[in-house]
C-alpha atoms as a PDB file:
ATOM      1  CA  MET A   1     132.116  98.632 104.927  1.00  0.00           C
ATOM      2  CA  LYS A   2     131.260  99.799 101.420  1.00  0.00           C
ATOM      3  CA  VAL A   3     128.865  97.587  99.443  1.00  0.00           C
ATOM      4  CA  PRO A   4     129.615  97.826  95.693  1.00  0.00           C
ATOM      5  CA  VAL A   5     126.468  99.035  93.973  1.00  0.00           C
ATOM      6  CA  ASP A   6     126.842  96.675  91.014  1.00  0.00           C
ATOM      7  CA  LEU A   7     126.981  93.672  93.321  1.00  0.00           C
ATOM      8  CA  ALA A   8     123.971  94.862  95.330  1.00  0.00           C
ATOM      9  CA  HIS A   9     122.101  95.403  92.063  1.00  0.00           C
ATOM     10  CA  THR A  10     122.915  91.847  91.004  1.00  0.00           C
ATOM     11  CA  LEU A  11     121.382  90.518  94.215  1.00  0.00           C
ATOM     12  CA  ALA A  12     118.252  92.640  93.719  1.00  0.00           C
ATOM     13  CA  VAL A  13     117.830  91.382  90.147  1.00  0.00           C
ATOM     14  CA  ALA A  14     118.274  87.767  91.261  1.00  0.00           C
ATOM     15  CA  VAL A  15     115.527  88.207  93.872  1.00  0.00           C
ATOM     16  CA  GLU A  16     113.227  89.950  91.395  1.00  0.00           C
ATOM     17  CA  GLU A  17     113.746  87.339  88.657  1.00  0.00           C
ATOM     18  CA  GLY A  18     113.619  84.309  90.953  1.00  0.00           C
ATOM     19  CA  THR A  19     116.489  82.362  89.342  1.00  0.00           C
ATOM     20  CA  LEU A  20     120.134  83.025  88.571  1.00  0.00           C
ATOM     21  CA  ASP A  21     119.533  82.054  84.940  1.00  0.00           C
ATOM     22  CA  ALA A  22     116.871  84.740  84.549  1.00  0.00           C
ATOM     23  CA  ALA A  23     119.022  87.282  86.381  1.00  0.00           C
ATOM     24  CA  ALA A  24     121.917  86.520  84.031  1.00  0.00           C
ATOM     25  CA  ARG A  25     119.734  87.112  80.975  1.00  0.00           C
ATOM     26  CA  ARG A  26     118.480  90.433  82.330  1.00  0.00           C
ATOM     27  CA  LEU A  27     121.984  91.583  83.245  1.00  0.00           C
ATOM     28  CA  HIS A  28     123.508  90.288  79.988  1.00  0.00           C
ATOM     29  CA  LEU A  29     125.949  88.135  81.955  1.00  0.00           C
ATOM     30  CA  THR A  30     126.657  84.436  82.221  1.00  0.00           C
ATOM     31  CA  GLN A  31     125.158  82.523  85.126  1.00  0.00           C
ATOM     32  CA  SER A  32     128.699  81.893  86.345  1.00  0.00           C
ATOM     33  CA  ALA A  33     129.376  85.651  86.460  1.00  0.00           C
ATOM     34  CA  VAL A  34     126.181  86.225  88.451  1.00  0.00           C
ATOM     35  CA  SER A  35     127.149  83.491  90.913  1.00  0.00           C
ATOM     36  CA  GLN A  36     130.634  84.982  91.290  1.00  0.00           C
ATOM     37  CA  ARG A  37     129.191  88.439  91.982  1.00  0.00           C
ATOM     38  CA  LEU A  38     126.878  87.066  94.647  1.00  0.00           C
ATOM     39  CA  ALA A  39     129.686  85.050  96.237  1.00  0.00           C
ATOM     40  CA  THR A  40     131.879  88.181  96.312  1.00  0.00           C
ATOM     41  CA  LEU A  41     129.077  90.185  97.924  1.00  0.00           C
ATOM     42  CA  GLU A  42     128.519  87.532 100.589  1.00  0.00           C
ATOM     43  CA  ARG A  43     132.250  87.390 101.281  1.00  0.00           C
ATOM     44  CA  LEU A  44     132.451  91.191 101.643  1.00  0.00           C
ATOM     45  CA  THR A  45     129.466  91.367 103.998  1.00  0.00           C
ATOM     46  CA  GLY A  46     130.284  88.170 105.886  1.00  0.00           C
ATOM     47  CA  GLN A  47     126.626  87.177 105.551  1.00  0.00           C
ATOM     48  CA  VAL A  48     124.537  84.681 103.645  1.00  0.00           C
ATOM     49  CA  LEU A  49     122.387  86.981 101.503  1.00  0.00           C
ATOM     50  CA  LEU A  50     120.557  84.600  99.177  1.00  0.00           C
ATOM     51  CA  VAL A  51     118.778  81.312  99.770  1.00  0.00           C
ATOM     52  CA  ARG A  52     119.337  79.205  96.663  1.00  0.00           C
ATOM     53  CA  SER A  53     115.790  77.849  96.559  1.00  0.00           C
ATOM     54  CA  ARG A  54     113.290  77.931  93.690  1.00  0.00           C
ATOM     55  CA  PRO A  55     112.594  80.754  93.448  1.00  0.00           C
ATOM     56  CA  VAL A  56     115.671  82.198  95.134  1.00  0.00           C
ATOM     57  CA  ARG A  57     114.910  84.514  98.036  1.00  0.00           C
ATOM     58  CA  ALA A  58     116.819  87.001 100.123  1.00  0.00           C
ATOM     59  CA  THR A  59     117.725  86.348 103.733  1.00  0.00           C
ATOM     60  CA  ALA A  60     116.972  89.034 106.323  1.00  0.00           C
ATOM     61  CA  ALA A  61     120.404  90.553 105.685  1.00  0.00           C
ATOM     62  CA  GLY A  62     119.921  90.160 101.940  1.00  0.00           C
ATOM     63  CA  GLU A  63     116.658  92.100 102.091  1.00  0.00           C
ATOM     64  CA  GLN A  64     118.548  95.075 103.506  1.00  0.00           C
ATOM     65  CA  VAL A  65     121.062  94.927 100.640  1.00  0.00           C
ATOM     66  CA  VAL A  66     118.232  94.648  98.103  1.00  0.00           C
ATOM     67  CA  ARG A  67     116.547  97.681  99.654  1.00  0.00           C
ATOM     68  CA  TYR A  68     119.834  99.600  99.408  1.00  0.00           C
ATOM     69  CA  ALA A  69     120.185  98.651  95.733  1.00  0.00           C
ATOM     70  CA  ARG A  70     116.659  99.808  94.930  1.00  0.00           C
ATOM     71  CA  GLN A  71     117.167 103.094  96.768  1.00  0.00           C
ATOM     72  CA  VAL A  72     120.376 103.777  94.844  1.00  0.00           C
ATOM     73  CA  ALA A  73     118.654 102.962  91.548  1.00  0.00           C
ATOM     74  CA  HIS A  74     115.812 105.331  92.420  1.00  0.00           C
ATOM     75  CA  LEU A  75     118.224 108.142  93.347  1.00  0.00           C
ATOM     76  CA  ASP A  76     120.257 107.582  90.175  1.00  0.00           C
ATOM     77  CA  ALA A  77     117.135 107.916  88.024  1.00  0.00           C
ATOM     78  CA  ASP A  78     116.002 110.991  89.931  1.00  0.00           C
ATOM     79  CA  LEU A  79     119.409 112.654  89.547  1.00  0.00           C
ATOM     80  CA  ALA A  80     119.476 111.905  85.816  1.00  0.00           C
ATOM     81  CA  GLY A  81     116.128 113.621  85.412  1.00  0.00           C
ATOM     82  CA  ARG A  82     117.193 116.689  87.389  1.00  0.00           C
ATOM     83  CA  ILE A  83     120.397 117.252  85.399  1.00  0.00           C
ATOM     84  CA  GLY A  84     118.789 116.504  82.048  1.00  0.00           C
ATOM     85  CA  VAL A  85     120.540 113.216  81.303  1.00  0.00           C
ATOM     86  CA  GLU A  86     118.536 110.771  79.214  1.00  0.00           C
ATOM     87  CA  ALA A  87     117.912 107.730  81.406  1.00  0.00           C
ATOM     88  CA  GLY A  88     115.056 106.000  79.619  1.00  0.00           C
ATOM     89  CA  HIS A  89     111.893 105.628  81.661  1.00  0.00           C
ATOM     90  CA  PRO A  90     112.682 105.115  85.345  1.00  0.00           C
ATOM     91  CA  THR A  91     110.205 103.014  87.329  1.00  0.00           C
ATOM     92  CA  VAL A  92     108.655 104.058  90.643  1.00  0.00           C
ATOM     93  CA  ALA A  93     107.195 101.211  92.694  1.00  0.00           C
ATOM     94  CA  LEU A  94     104.262 102.072  94.969  1.00  0.00           C
ATOM     95  CA  ALA A  95     101.967 100.003  97.199  1.00  0.00           C
ATOM     96  CA  VAL A  96      98.300 101.048  97.261  1.00  0.00           C
ATOM     97  CA  ASN A  97      95.192  99.431  98.689  1.00  0.00           C
ATOM     98  CA  ALA A  98      92.495  98.298  96.267  1.00  0.00           C
ATOM     99  CA  ASP A  99      89.799 100.766  97.380  1.00  0.00           C
ATOM    100  CA  SER A 100      92.100 103.766  96.941  1.00  0.00           C
ATOM    101  CA  LEU A 101      93.014 102.512  93.466  1.00  0.00           C
ATOM    102  CA  ALA A 102      89.331 102.153  92.606  1.00  0.00           C
ATOM    103  CA  THR A 103      88.213 105.521  93.948  1.00  0.00           C
ATOM    104  CA  TRP A 104      90.609 108.442  94.270  1.00  0.00           C
ATOM    105  CA  ILE A 105      94.347 107.974  93.808  1.00  0.00           C
ATOM    106  CA  LEU A 106      94.836 107.000  90.151  1.00  0.00           C
ATOM    107  CA  PRO A 107      94.275 110.483  88.623  1.00  0.00           C
ATOM    108  CA  ALA A 108      96.958 111.927  90.912  1.00  0.00           C
ATOM    109  CA  LEU A 109      99.423 109.179  90.030  1.00  0.00           C
ATOM    110  CA  ALA A 110      98.702 109.529  86.307  1.00  0.00           C
ATOM    111  CA  THR A 111      99.334 113.288  86.483  1.00  0.00           C
ATOM    112  CA  VAL A 112     102.717 113.004  88.157  1.00  0.00           C
ATOM    113  CA  ALA A 113     103.830 109.998  86.057  1.00  0.00           C
ATOM    114  CA  THR A 114     103.152 111.986  82.885  1.00  0.00           C
ATOM    115  CA  ARG A 115     104.875 115.076  84.251  1.00  0.00           C
ATOM    116  CA  HIS A 116     108.084 113.236  85.160  1.00  0.00           C
ATOM    117  CA  GLY A 117     108.044 110.609  82.420  1.00  0.00           C
ATOM    118  CA  VAL A 118     108.243 107.735  84.905  1.00  0.00           C
ATOM    119  CA  LEU A 119     106.707 104.289  84.791  1.00  0.00           C
ATOM    120  CA  LEU A 120     104.563 103.159  87.697  1.00  0.00           C
ATOM    121  CA  ASP A 121     104.854  99.692  89.226  1.00  0.00           C
ATOM    122  CA  LEU A 122     101.735  99.534  91.409  1.00  0.00           C
ATOM    123  CA  HIS A 123     101.484  96.793  94.008  1.00  0.00           C
ATOM    124  CA  ARG A 124      97.903  96.221  95.168  1.00  0.00           C
ATOM    125  CA  GLU A 125      97.951  95.182  98.797  1.00  0.00           C
ATOM    126  CA  ASP A 126      95.734  95.439 101.870  1.00  0.00           C
ATOM    127  CA  GLU A 127      96.290  98.823 103.499  1.00  0.00           C
ATOM    128  CA  GLY A 128      97.348  97.162 106.750  1.00  0.00           C
ATOM    129  CA  HIS A 129     100.132  95.228 105.027  1.00  0.00           C
ATOM    130  CA  THR A 130     101.635  97.671 102.522  1.00  0.00           C
ATOM    131  CA  THR A 131     104.378  98.694 104.962  1.00  0.00           C
ATOM    132  CA  ALA A 132     105.945  95.241 104.652  1.00  0.00           C
ATOM    133  CA  LEU A 133     106.709  96.091 101.015  1.00  0.00           C
ATOM    134  CA  LEU A 134     108.314  99.347 102.163  1.00  0.00           C
ATOM    135  CA  ALA A 135     110.398  97.598 104.782  1.00  0.00           C
ATOM    136  CA  ASP A 136     111.902  95.097 102.351  1.00  0.00           C
ATOM    137  CA  GLY A 137     112.514  97.703  99.641  1.00  0.00           C
ATOM    138  CA  THR A 138     109.981  96.374  97.137  1.00  0.00           C
ATOM    139  CA  VAL A 139     108.301  99.798  96.931  1.00  0.00           C
ATOM    140  CA  THR A 140     109.439 103.364  97.553  1.00  0.00           C
ATOM    141  CA  ALA A 141     106.148 104.601  99.023  1.00  0.00           C
ATOM    142  CA  ALA A 142     102.839 103.198 100.206  1.00  0.00           C
ATOM    143  CA  VAL A 143      99.302 104.056 101.251  1.00  0.00           C
ATOM    144  CA  THR A 144      98.842 102.413 104.635  1.00  0.00           C
ATOM    145  CA  THR A 145      96.822 102.404 107.839  1.00  0.00           C
ATOM    146  CA  VAL A 146     100.039 102.191 109.872  1.00  0.00           C
ATOM    147  CA  ALA A 147     100.821 105.499 111.589  1.00  0.00           C
ATOM    148  CA  ALA A 148     104.221 104.478 112.979  1.00  0.00           C
ATOM    149  CA  PRO A 149     106.918 105.125 110.359  1.00  0.00           C
ATOM    150  CA  VAL A 150     108.818 102.212 108.876  1.00  0.00           C
ATOM    151  CA  PRO A 151     112.541 102.647 109.696  1.00  0.00           C
ATOM    152  CA  GLY A 152     114.047 105.015 107.158  1.00  0.00           C
ATOM    153  CA  CYS A 153     110.651 106.386 106.075  1.00  0.00           C
ATOM    154  CA  THR A 154     108.529 109.474 106.640  1.00  0.00           C
ATOM    155  CA  VAL A 155     104.795 109.357 107.326  1.00  0.00           C
ATOM    156  CA  THR A 156     102.005 111.830 106.484  1.00  0.00           C
ATOM    157  CA  ALA A 157      98.318 111.511 107.366  1.00  0.00           C
ATOM    158  CA  LEU A 158      96.131 111.560 104.233  1.00  0.00           C
ATOM    159  CA  GLY A 159      92.607 111.383 105.664  1.00  0.00           C
ATOM    160  CA  ARG A 160      89.823 108.956 106.434  1.00  0.00           C
ATOM    161  CA  LEU A 161      87.938 106.691 104.027  1.00  0.00           C
ATOM    162  CA  ARG A 162      84.468 105.980 105.396  1.00  0.00           C
ATOM    163  CA  TYR A 163      82.692 102.682 104.689  1.00  0.00           C
ATOM    164  CA  ARG A 164      78.970 101.941 105.113  1.00  0.00           C
ATOM    165  CA  ALA A 165      77.145  98.612 105.232  1.00  0.00           C
ATOM    166  CA  VAL A 166      75.134  98.227 102.008  1.00  0.00           C
ATOM    167  CA  ALA A 167      73.249  95.597 100.054  1.00  0.00           C
ATOM    168  CA  ALA A 168      71.164  95.227  96.897  1.00  0.00           C
ATOM    169  CA  PRO A 169      67.432  95.992  97.450  1.00  0.00           C
ATOM    170  CA  GLU A 170      66.412  92.407  96.575  1.00  0.00           C
ATOM    171  CA  PHE A 171      69.032  90.986  98.936  1.00  0.00           C
ATOM    172  CA  ALA A 172      67.896  93.293 101.738  1.00  0.00           C
ATOM    173  CA  ALA A 173      64.245  92.345 101.185  1.00  0.00           C
ATOM    174  CA  ARG A 174      65.126  88.646 101.391  1.00  0.00           C
ATOM    175  CA  TRP A 175      67.563  88.624 104.288  1.00  0.00           C
ATOM    176  CA  PHE A 176      66.562  91.749 106.229  1.00  0.00           C
ATOM    177  CA  PRO A 177      62.750  92.007 105.993  1.00  0.00           C
ATOM    178  CA  ASP A 178      62.685  93.514 109.496  1.00  0.00           C
ATOM    179  CA  GLY A 179      65.901  95.479 109.048  1.00  0.00           C
ATOM    180  CA  ALA A 180      69.507  94.451 109.670  1.00  0.00           C
ATOM    181  CA  THR A 181      68.834  92.860 113.046  1.00  0.00           C
ATOM    182  CA  ALA A 182      71.482  90.897 114.924  1.00  0.00           C
ATOM    183  CA  GLU A 183      69.703  87.644 114.121  1.00  0.00           C
ATOM    184  CA  ALA A 184      69.536  88.467 110.409  1.00  0.00           C
ATOM    185  CA  LEU A 185      73.185  89.561 110.250  1.00  0.00           C
ATOM    186  CA  ARG A 186      74.272  86.233 111.753  1.00  0.00           C
ATOM    187  CA  ALA A 187      72.588  84.392 108.875  1.00  0.00           C
ATOM    188  CA  ALA A 188      72.963  86.650 105.830  1.00  0.00           C
ATOM    189  CA  PRO A 189      75.917  86.001 103.468  1.00  0.00           C
ATOM    190  CA  VAL A 190      78.660  88.604 103.703  1.00  0.00           C
ATOM    191  CA  LEU A 191      81.315  89.601 101.163  1.00  0.00           C
ATOM    192  CA  ASP A 192      85.006  89.933 102.078  1.00  0.00           C
ATOM    193  CA  PHE A 193      87.638  91.193  99.646  1.00  0.00           C
ATOM    194  CA  ASP A 194      90.052  88.501 100.839  1.00  0.00           C
ATOM    195  CA  ARG A 195      91.030  86.835 104.103  1.00  0.00           C
ATOM    196  CA  ARG A 196      92.888  89.957 105.229  1.00  0.00           C
ATOM    197  CA  ASP A 197      89.768  92.105 104.870  1.00  0.00           C
ATOM    198  CA  THR A 198      88.512  93.001 108.358  1.00  0.00           C
ATOM    199  CA  LEU A 199      85.982  95.754 107.524  1.00  0.00           C
ATOM    200  CA  GLN A 200      82.899  93.538 107.632  1.00  0.00           C
ATOM    201  CA  SER A 201      84.156  91.863 110.804  1.00  0.00           C
ATOM    202  CA  ARG A 202      84.649  95.271 112.444  1.00  0.00           C
ATOM    203  CA  TYR A 203      81.079  96.237 111.565  1.00  0.00           C
ATOM    204  CA  LEU A 204      79.686  92.967 112.942  1.00  0.00           C
ATOM    205  CA  ASP A 205      81.758  93.275 116.101  1.00  0.00           C
ATOM    206  CA  GLY A 206      80.424  96.794 116.565  1.00  0.00           C
ATOM    207  CA  ARG A 207      76.894  95.379 116.375  1.00  0.00           C
ATOM    208  CA  GLY A 208      77.737  92.820 119.068  1.00  0.00           C
ATOM    209  CA  ILE A 209      77.844  89.907 116.584  1.00  0.00           C
ATOM    210  CA  GLU A 210      80.554  87.258 116.434  1.00  0.00           C
ATOM    211  CA  PRO A 211      82.312  88.025 113.100  1.00  0.00           C
ATOM    212  CA  SER A 212      82.742  84.349 112.216  1.00  0.00           C
ATOM    213  CA  ALA A 213      78.983  83.655 112.436  1.00  0.00           C
ATOM    214  CA  PRO A 214      77.734  84.545 108.900  1.00  0.00           C
ATOM    215  CA  PRO A 215      78.706  82.646 105.727  1.00  0.00           C
ATOM    216  CA  ARG A 216      81.261  84.421 103.541  1.00  0.00           C
ATOM    217  CA  HIS A 217      82.039  84.990  99.889  1.00  0.00           C
ATOM    218  CA  TYR A 218      85.489  86.254  98.793  1.00  0.00           C
ATOM    219  CA  VAL A 219      85.796  88.600  95.797  1.00  0.00           C
ATOM    220  CA  PRO A 220      89.406  89.902  95.510  1.00  0.00           C
ATOM    221  CA  SER A 221      88.825  92.748  93.046  1.00  0.00           C
ATOM    222  CA  SER A 222      87.524  96.145  94.107  1.00  0.00           C
ATOM    223  CA  THR A 223      85.370  96.791  91.017  1.00  0.00           C
ATOM    224  CA  GLU A 224      83.924  93.280  90.968  1.00  0.00           C
ATOM    225  CA  PHE A 225      83.449  93.446  94.746  1.00  0.00           C
ATOM    226  CA  ALA A 226      81.052  96.388  94.382  1.00  0.00           C
ATOM    227  CA  ARG A 227      79.331  94.703  91.450  1.00  0.00           C
ATOM    228  CA  ALA A 228      78.895  91.490  93.460  1.00  0.00           C
ATOM    229  CA  ILE A 229      77.061  93.473  96.149  1.00  0.00           C
ATOM    230  CA  ALA A 230      74.786  95.016  93.517  1.00  0.00           C
ATOM    231  CA  LEU A 231      74.105  91.537  92.092  1.00  0.00           C
ATOM    232  CA  GLY A 232      72.878  90.374  95.492  1.00  0.00           C
ATOM    233  CA  LEU A 233      75.693  87.982  96.333  1.00  0.00           C
ATOM    234  CA  GLY A 234      75.991  89.389  99.842  1.00  0.00           C
ATOM    235  CA  TRP A 235      76.184  92.557 101.923  1.00  0.00           C
ATOM    236  CA  ALA A 236      79.453  94.406 102.631  1.00  0.00           C
ATOM    237  CA  MET A 237      81.097  97.677 103.605  1.00  0.00           C
ATOM    238  CA  LEU A 238      81.630 100.075 100.710  1.00  0.00           C
ATOM    239  CA  PRO A 239      83.001 103.636 100.361  1.00  0.00           C
ATOM    240  CA  ASP A 240      80.458 106.185  99.153  1.00  0.00           C
ATOM    241  CA  ALA A 241      82.508 106.829  95.996  1.00  0.00           C
ATOM    242  CA  GLN A 242      82.070 103.221  94.886  1.00  0.00           C
ATOM    243  CA  ARG A 243      78.286 103.377  95.199  1.00  0.00           C
ATOM    244  CA  GLN A 244      77.878 105.756  92.263  1.00  0.00           C
ATOM    245  CA  GLY A 245      75.679 104.187  89.618  1.00  0.00           C
ATOM    246  CA  LEU A 246      74.771 101.200  91.800  1.00  0.00           C
ATOM    247  CA  ASP A 247      71.306 100.554  93.248  1.00  0.00           C
ATOM    248  CA  LEU A 248      72.172  99.833  96.876  1.00  0.00           C
ATOM    249  CA  VAL A 249      70.471 100.395 100.227  1.00  0.00           C
ATOM    250  CA  ASP A 250      72.041 101.256 103.587  1.00  0.00           C
ATOM    251  CA  LEU A 251      71.779  98.635 106.308  1.00  0.00           C
ATOM    252  CA  GLY A 252      72.298 101.142 109.095  1.00  0.00           C
ATOM    253  CA  GLY A 253      74.677 100.849 112.006  1.00  0.00           C
ATOM    254  CA  GLU A 254      77.814 102.874 112.549  1.00  0.00           C
ATOM    255  CA  PRO A 255      80.052 103.359 109.490  1.00  0.00           C
ATOM    256  CA  VAL A 256      83.643 102.153 109.699  1.00  0.00           C
ATOM    257  CA  ALA A 257      86.277 104.855 109.135  1.00  0.00           C
ATOM    258  CA  VAL A 258      89.790 103.902 108.032  1.00  0.00           C
ATOM    259  CA  THR A 259      92.577 106.479 108.451  1.00  0.00           C
ATOM    260  CA  LEU A 260      95.091 106.336 105.621  1.00  0.00           C
ATOM    261  CA  TYR A 261      98.725 107.466 105.735  1.00  0.00           C
ATOM    262  CA  TRP A 262     101.413 108.004 103.109  1.00  0.00           C
ATOM    263  CA  GLN A 263     104.789 106.508 103.969  1.00  0.00           C
ATOM    264  CA  GLN A 264     107.840 106.904 101.740  1.00  0.00           C
ATOM    265  CA  TRP A 265     111.587 106.456 101.788  1.00  0.00           C
ATOM    266  CA  ARG A 266     113.474 109.250 103.511  1.00  0.00           C
ATOM    267  CA  THR A 267     115.401 110.166 100.362  1.00  0.00           C
ATOM    268  CA  HIS A 268     115.943 113.505  98.617  1.00  0.00           C
ATOM    269  CA  SER A 269     113.999 112.641  95.471  1.00  0.00           C
ATOM    270  CA  ALA A 270     112.208 115.361  93.525  1.00  0.00           C
ATOM    271  CA  THR A 271     110.030 112.774  91.778  1.00  0.00           C
ATOM    272  CA  LEU A 272     108.963 111.090  95.005  1.00  0.00           C
ATOM    273  CA  ALA A 273     108.302 114.468  96.637  1.00  0.00           C
ATOM    274  CA  ASP A 274     106.056 115.468  93.722  1.00  0.00           C
ATOM    275  CA  ILE A 275     104.179 112.162  93.894  1.00  0.00           C
ATOM    276  CA  ALA A 276     103.607 112.707  97.611  1.00  0.00           C
ATOM    277  CA  ALA A 277     102.321 116.248  96.990  1.00  0.00           C
ATOM    278  CA  GLU A 278      99.882 115.110  94.274  1.00  0.00           C
ATOM    279  CA  VAL A 279      98.617 112.239  96.432  1.00  0.00           C
ATOM    280  CA  ALA A 280      98.125 114.550  99.427  1.00  0.00           C
ATOM    281  CA  ALA A 281      96.202 117.063  97.282  1.00  0.00           C
ATOM    282  CA  ALA A 282      93.931 114.329  95.924  1.00  0.00           C
ATOM    283  CA  ALA A 283      93.359 113.000  99.437  1.00  0.00           C
ATOM    284  CA  ARG A 284      92.284 116.428 100.696  1.00  0.00           C
ATOM    285  CA  THR A 285      89.533 116.396  98.052  1.00  0.00           C
ATOM    286  CA  ALA A 286      88.456 112.759  98.278  1.00  0.00           C
ATOM    287  CA  LEU A 287      88.902 111.837 101.933  1.00  0.00           C
ATOM    288  CA  GLU A 288      87.594 113.145 105.232  1.00  0.00           C
ATOM    289  CA  PRO A 289      90.153 115.035 107.309  1.00  0.00           C
ATOM    290  CA  ALA A 290      92.187 112.804 109.625  1.00  0.00           C
ATOM    291  CA  THR A 291      91.448 113.442 113.286  1.00  0.00           C
END
């Protein structure tokens, strides 16, 4: 079976835009033409590919077609660049965790984006969940903690990002006058990035403390997260690079090390290969070697 690229692209646009009306405007078609394309694609594949909800969403089979469409679009843009054909500014979608964005990866991405004249579509996601965006074709590459490759992807170890438990001096004096004892850690407010953030829970578990015991604040922005610690809102785990310029004290205990990996589509793309090389070089400087 051969899936027509234009029909697959129509499905991908419909999923990205959320409605057939919006997809029609982006594709410069009528809504009727978009509906006919999608009906033809579903007839050719023998599968329901799109749930007509609000917003519309792809079925499991539809996600595979959307991924195919995005891969073809990426390869088309890469080929145009290699043979010197003007193709506007192609977009490369990447998934990166917030702490990597805040500390080490942006200079590498800026360098390669400028070199190749591409636009970056960065998806900020927890490092344990970025592979889901790879699997459904939303992004072409991701920084992740998952070592097992997503089907159709390659994986490369980048290194380890080490986190230490820290707090503002005033907060530590109030809540930990005798040090970060188990009793004090059960009572002191803790900061989590969001409800997927397990770093503080891993630290508490390592100290023999039930992670659900202390009260929690949630601050879902990496820069503001570090600032909230410095303002005394709570204690949390923080990479050394984010402590620069902040008056913070160590609470002791074992640091938590997170091993990061780079996963990307298994495609012959010069742009994607260069991005991977720049990211790996930056990781060798900023991260501890993976063991």
